[in-house]
Amino acid sequence: KASNKDVDEEPLVPVVEIVTAHFLMHRHQTSQALIQFKKLERKFPNNVYLLLKIALLQLQCSDNASAERSFARIRQLEENNIECMDQYAHIFQQRGALAELNRLASDLLEVDDKQPEAWVCLALHHQARNDHEKAIAF
């Protein structure tokens, strides 16, 4: 039987882990932070917040393929999420995926045309098409 002390401390375990992950991230210990966030994501699968942190850390580690998979998973889980989608768009732009970039820009503008991520995505689309005047306009 678990003691009261064990029961009382159990809910704090995720808090300690998330604080540790953020601490590592802010200390620029990217690979350690990524490991910590992935541990948390295994405990709390399909958590969009954790997946966003993982995707951003994967980008910092120059692992664009894994970051793209993480962003795609986020879009599957929560298609109305706009947060950090400009980073996702940047991956598409880097690999010349104009169709995906166009679709993402359209989706984001449909969700909320007042958010900067949507407009950055559209600007990246025009820049990838070498339409620099339109890119600057956004």
C-alpha atoms as a PDB file:
ATOM      1  CA  LYS A   1       0.000   0.000   0.000  1.00  0.00           C
ATOM      2  CA  ALA A   2       1.317   3.456  -0.912  1.00  0.00           C
ATOM      3  CA  SER A   3       1.978   5.813   1.941  1.00  0.00           C
ATOM      4  CA  ASN A   4       0.313   9.239   2.092  1.00  0.00           C
ATOM      5  CA  LYS A   5       3.665  10.822   1.292  1.00  0.00           C
ATOM      6  CA  ASP A   6       3.900   8.841  -1.991  1.00  0.00           C
ATOM      7  CA  VAL A   7       0.333   9.732  -2.963  1.00  0.00           C
ATOM      8  CA  ASP A   8       0.890  13.423  -2.184  1.00  0.00           C
ATOM      9  CA  GLU A   9       4.095  13.620  -4.251  1.00  0.00           C
ATOM     10  CA  GLU A  10       2.830  11.651  -7.248  1.00  0.00           C
ATOM     11  CA  PRO A  11       0.908  14.558  -8.864  1.00  0.00           C
ATOM     12  CA  LEU A  12       4.057  16.698  -8.618  1.00  0.00           C
ATOM     13  CA  VAL A  13       6.142  14.372 -10.773  1.00  0.00           C
ATOM     14  CA  PRO A  14       4.896  15.840 -14.103  1.00  0.00           C
ATOM     15  CA  VAL A  15       5.439  19.355 -12.745  1.00  0.00           C
ATOM     16  CA  VAL A  16       9.031  18.572 -11.827  1.00  0.00           C
ATOM     17  CA  GLU A  17       9.606  16.986 -15.237  1.00  0.00           C
ATOM     18  CA  ILE A  18       8.108  19.894 -17.183  1.00  0.00           C
ATOM     19  CA  VAL A  19      10.088  22.435 -15.171  1.00  0.00           C
ATOM     20  CA  THR A  20      13.244  20.413 -15.797  1.00  0.00           C
ATOM     21  CA  ALA A  21      12.505  20.273 -19.532  1.00  0.00           C
ATOM     22  CA  HIS A  22      11.969  24.038 -19.685  1.00  0.00           C
ATOM     23  CA  PHE A  23      15.071  24.672 -17.608  1.00  0.00           C
ATOM     24  CA  LEU A  24      17.160  22.587 -20.013  1.00  0.00           C
ATOM     25  CA  MET A  25      15.602  24.310 -22.993  1.00  0.00           C
ATOM     26  CA  HIS A  26      16.338  27.780 -21.643  1.00  0.00           C
ATOM     27  CA  ARG A  27      19.902  26.757 -20.800  1.00  0.00           C
ATOM     28  CA  HIS A  28      20.288  25.804 -24.479  1.00  0.00           C
ATOM     29  CA  GLN A  29      20.787  22.148 -23.620  1.00  0.00           C
ATOM     30  CA  THR A  30      18.668  21.289 -26.607  1.00  0.00           C
ATOM     31  CA  SER A  31      19.245  17.549 -26.883  1.00  0.00           C
ATOM     32  CA  GLN A  32      18.678  17.035 -23.128  1.00  0.00           C
ATOM     33  CA  ALA A  33      15.518  19.150 -23.271  1.00  0.00           C
ATOM     34  CA  LEU A  34      14.298  17.158 -26.257  1.00  0.00           C
ATOM     35  CA  ILE A  35      14.804  13.901 -24.364  1.00  0.00           C
ATOM     36  CA  GLN A  36      12.901  15.294 -21.384  1.00  0.00           C
ATOM     37  CA  PHE A  37       9.969  16.556 -23.484  1.00  0.00           C
ATOM     38  CA  LYS A  38       9.796  13.216 -25.311  1.00  0.00           C
ATOM     39  CA  LYS A  39       9.584  11.428 -21.939  1.00  0.00           C
ATOM     40  CA  LEU A  40       6.698  13.685 -20.988  1.00  0.00           C
ATOM     41  CA  GLU A  41       5.016  13.087 -24.343  1.00  0.00           C
ATOM     42  CA  ARG A  42       5.176   9.331 -23.739  1.00  0.00           C
ATOM     43  CA  LYS A  43       3.381   9.860 -20.415  1.00  0.00           C
ATOM     44  CA  PHE A  44       0.897  12.304 -21.953  1.00  0.00           C
ATOM     45  CA  PRO A  45       0.498  11.190 -25.576  1.00  0.00           C
ATOM     46  CA  ASN A  46      -1.003  13.536 -28.148  1.00  0.00           C
ATOM     47  CA  ASN A  47      -0.452  16.591 -25.973  1.00  0.00           C
ATOM     48  CA  VAL A  48      -0.212  19.471 -28.466  1.00  0.00           C
ATOM     49  CA  TYR A  49       1.796  21.683 -26.096  1.00  0.00           C
ATOM     50  CA  LEU A  50       4.453  19.003 -25.625  1.00  0.00           C
ATOM     51  CA  LEU A  51       4.511  18.196 -29.340  1.00  0.00           C
ATOM     52  CA  LEU A  52       5.077  21.877 -30.152  1.00  0.00           C
ATOM     53  CA  LYS A  53       8.048  21.985 -27.798  1.00  0.00           C
ATOM     54  CA  ILE A  54       9.405  18.785 -29.334  1.00  0.00           C
ATOM     55  CA  ALA A  55       9.021  20.129 -32.882  1.00  0.00           C
ATOM     56  CA  LEU A  56      10.776  23.390 -32.008  1.00  0.00           C
ATOM     57  CA  LEU A  57      13.629  21.547 -30.329  1.00  0.00           C
ATOM     58  CA  GLN A  58      13.942  19.221 -33.306  1.00  0.00           C
ATOM     59  CA  LEU A  59      14.288  22.298 -35.508  1.00  0.00           C
ATOM     60  CA  GLN A  60      16.993  23.658 -33.219  1.00  0.00           C
ATOM     61  CA  CYS A  61      18.811  20.325 -33.596  1.00  0.00           C
ATOM     62  CA  SER A  62      18.515  20.703 -37.405  1.00  0.00           C
ATOM     63  CA  ASP A  63      16.323  17.611 -37.576  1.00  0.00           C
ATOM     64  CA  ASN A  64      13.818  19.071 -40.033  1.00  0.00           C
ATOM     65  CA  ALA A  65      12.380  15.691 -41.046  1.00  0.00           C
ATOM     66  CA  SER A  66      11.424  14.827 -37.452  1.00  0.00           C
ATOM     67  CA  ALA A  67      10.171  18.361 -36.842  1.00  0.00           C
ATOM     68  CA  GLU A  68       7.985  18.127 -39.933  1.00  0.00           C
ATOM     69  CA  ARG A  69       6.506  14.839 -38.683  1.00  0.00           C
ATOM     70  CA  SER A  70       5.841  16.427 -35.271  1.00  0.00           C
ATOM     71  CA  PHE A  71       4.140  19.450 -36.840  1.00  0.00           C
ATOM     72  CA  ALA A  72       2.059  17.163 -39.080  1.00  0.00           C
ATOM     73  CA  ARG A  73       0.944  15.228 -36.014  1.00  0.00           C
ATOM     74  CA  ILE A  74      -0.023  18.494 -34.300  1.00  0.00           C
ATOM     75  CA  ARG A  75      -2.111  19.469 -37.344  1.00  0.00           C
ATOM     76  CA  GLN A  76      -3.839  16.075 -37.214  1.00  0.00           C
ATOM     77  CA  LEU A  77      -4.642  16.461 -33.533  1.00  0.00           C
ATOM     78  CA  GLU A  78      -5.682  20.100 -33.598  1.00  0.00           C
ATOM     79  CA  GLU A  79      -6.220  21.526 -37.059  1.00  0.00           C
ATOM     80  CA  ASN A  80      -7.151  24.943 -35.651  1.00  0.00           C
ATOM     81  CA  ASN A  81      -3.810  25.368 -33.905  1.00  0.00           C
ATOM     82  CA  ILE A  82      -1.863  28.293 -35.347  1.00  0.00           C
ATOM     83  CA  GLU A  83       0.921  28.520 -32.779  1.00  0.00           C
ATOM     84  CA  CYS A  84       4.365  27.925 -34.346  1.00  0.00           C
ATOM     85  CA  MET A  85       2.886  27.015 -37.721  1.00  0.00           C
ATOM     86  CA  ASP A  86       5.137  29.648 -39.307  1.00  0.00           C
ATOM     87  CA  GLN A  87       8.011  27.351 -38.334  1.00  0.00           C
ATOM     88  CA  TYR A  88       6.242  24.469 -40.070  1.00  0.00           C
ATOM     89  CA  ALA A  89       5.820  26.681 -43.132  1.00  0.00           C
ATOM     90  CA  HIS A  90       9.532  27.450 -43.100  1.00  0.00           C
ATOM     91  CA  ILE A  91      10.287  23.715 -43.377  1.00  0.00           C
ATOM     92  CA  PHE A  92       8.028  23.498 -46.427  1.00  0.00           C
ATOM     93  CA  GLN A  93       9.712  26.531 -47.959  1.00  0.00           C
ATOM     94  CA  GLN A  94      13.187  25.078 -47.394  1.00  0.00           C
ATOM     95  CA  ARG A  95      12.363  21.893 -49.226  1.00  0.00           C
ATOM     96  CA  GLY A  96      10.361  23.640 -51.964  1.00  0.00           C
ATOM     97  CA  ALA A  97       7.043  22.036 -51.057  1.00  0.00           C
ATOM     98  CA  LEU A  98       4.857  24.745 -52.623  1.00  0.00           C
ATOM     99  CA  ALA A  99       1.632  22.735 -52.607  1.00  0.00           C
ATOM    100  CA  GLU A 100       1.933  21.967 -48.878  1.00  0.00           C
ATOM    101  CA  LEU A 101       2.928  25.554 -48.142  1.00  0.00           C
ATOM    102  CA  ASN A 102      -0.063  26.884 -50.084  1.00  0.00           C
ATOM    103  CA  ARG A 103      -2.427  24.481 -48.310  1.00  0.00           C
ATOM    104  CA  LEU A 104      -1.046  25.433 -44.900  1.00  0.00           C
ATOM    105  CA  ALA A 105      -1.325  29.162 -45.674  1.00  0.00           C
ATOM    106  CA  SER A 106      -4.934  28.719 -46.806  1.00  0.00           C
ATOM    107  CA  ASP A 107      -5.817  26.643 -43.750  1.00  0.00           C
ATOM    108  CA  LEU A 108      -4.249  29.104 -41.320  1.00  0.00           C
ATOM    109  CA  LEU A 109      -5.900  32.129 -42.948  1.00  0.00           C
ATOM    110  CA  GLU A 110      -9.231  30.324 -42.768  1.00  0.00           C
ATOM    111  CA  VAL A 111      -8.747  29.629 -39.042  1.00  0.00           C
ATOM    112  CA  ASP A 112      -7.759  33.203 -38.161  1.00  0.00           C
ATOM    113  CA  ASP A 113      -6.669  35.810 -40.682  1.00  0.00           C
ATOM    114  CA  LYS A 114      -5.538  38.159 -37.936  1.00  0.00           C
ATOM    115  CA  GLN A 115      -2.705  35.991 -36.625  1.00  0.00           C
ATOM    116  CA  PRO A 116       0.848  36.698 -37.819  1.00  0.00           C
ATOM    117  CA  GLU A 117       1.678  33.009 -38.346  1.00  0.00           C
ATOM    118  CA  ALA A 118      -0.882  32.807 -41.157  1.00  0.00           C
ATOM    119  CA  TRP A 119       0.553  35.854 -42.922  1.00  0.00           C
ATOM    120  CA  VAL A 120       4.146  34.708 -42.450  1.00  0.00           C
ATOM    121  CA  CYS A 121       3.146  31.409 -44.042  1.00  0.00           C
ATOM    122  CA  LEU A 122       1.615  33.243 -47.000  1.00  0.00           C
ATOM    123  CA  ALA A 123       4.708  35.444 -47.340  1.00  0.00           C
ATOM    124  CA  LEU A 124       6.923  32.339 -47.333  1.00  0.00           C
ATOM    125  CA  HIS A 125       4.747  30.844 -50.063  1.00  0.00           C
ATOM    126  CA  HIS A 126       5.215  33.901 -52.269  1.00  0.00           C
ATOM    127  CA  GLN A 127       8.921  34.018 -51.495  1.00  0.00           C
ATOM    128  CA  ALA A 128       9.287  30.348 -52.478  1.00  0.00           C
ATOM    129  CA  ARG A 129       7.620  31.235 -55.786  1.00  0.00           C
ATOM    130  CA  ASN A 130      10.175  34.073 -56.224  1.00  0.00           C
ATOM    131  CA  ASP A 131       7.368  36.630 -56.029  1.00  0.00           C
ATOM    132  CA  HIS A 132       9.323  38.920 -53.720  1.00  0.00           C
ATOM    133  CA  GLU A 133       7.024  41.942 -54.052  1.00  0.00           C
ATOM    134  CA  LYS A 134       4.041  39.992 -52.746  1.00  0.00           C
ATOM    135  CA  ALA A 135       6.202  38.345 -50.077  1.00  0.00           C
ATOM    136  CA  ILE A 136       7.249  41.754 -48.761  1.00  0.00           C
ATOM    137  CA  ALA A 137       3.637  42.966 -48.830  1.00  0.00           C
ATOM    138  CA  PHE A 138       2.730  40.333 -46.261  1.00  0.00           C
END
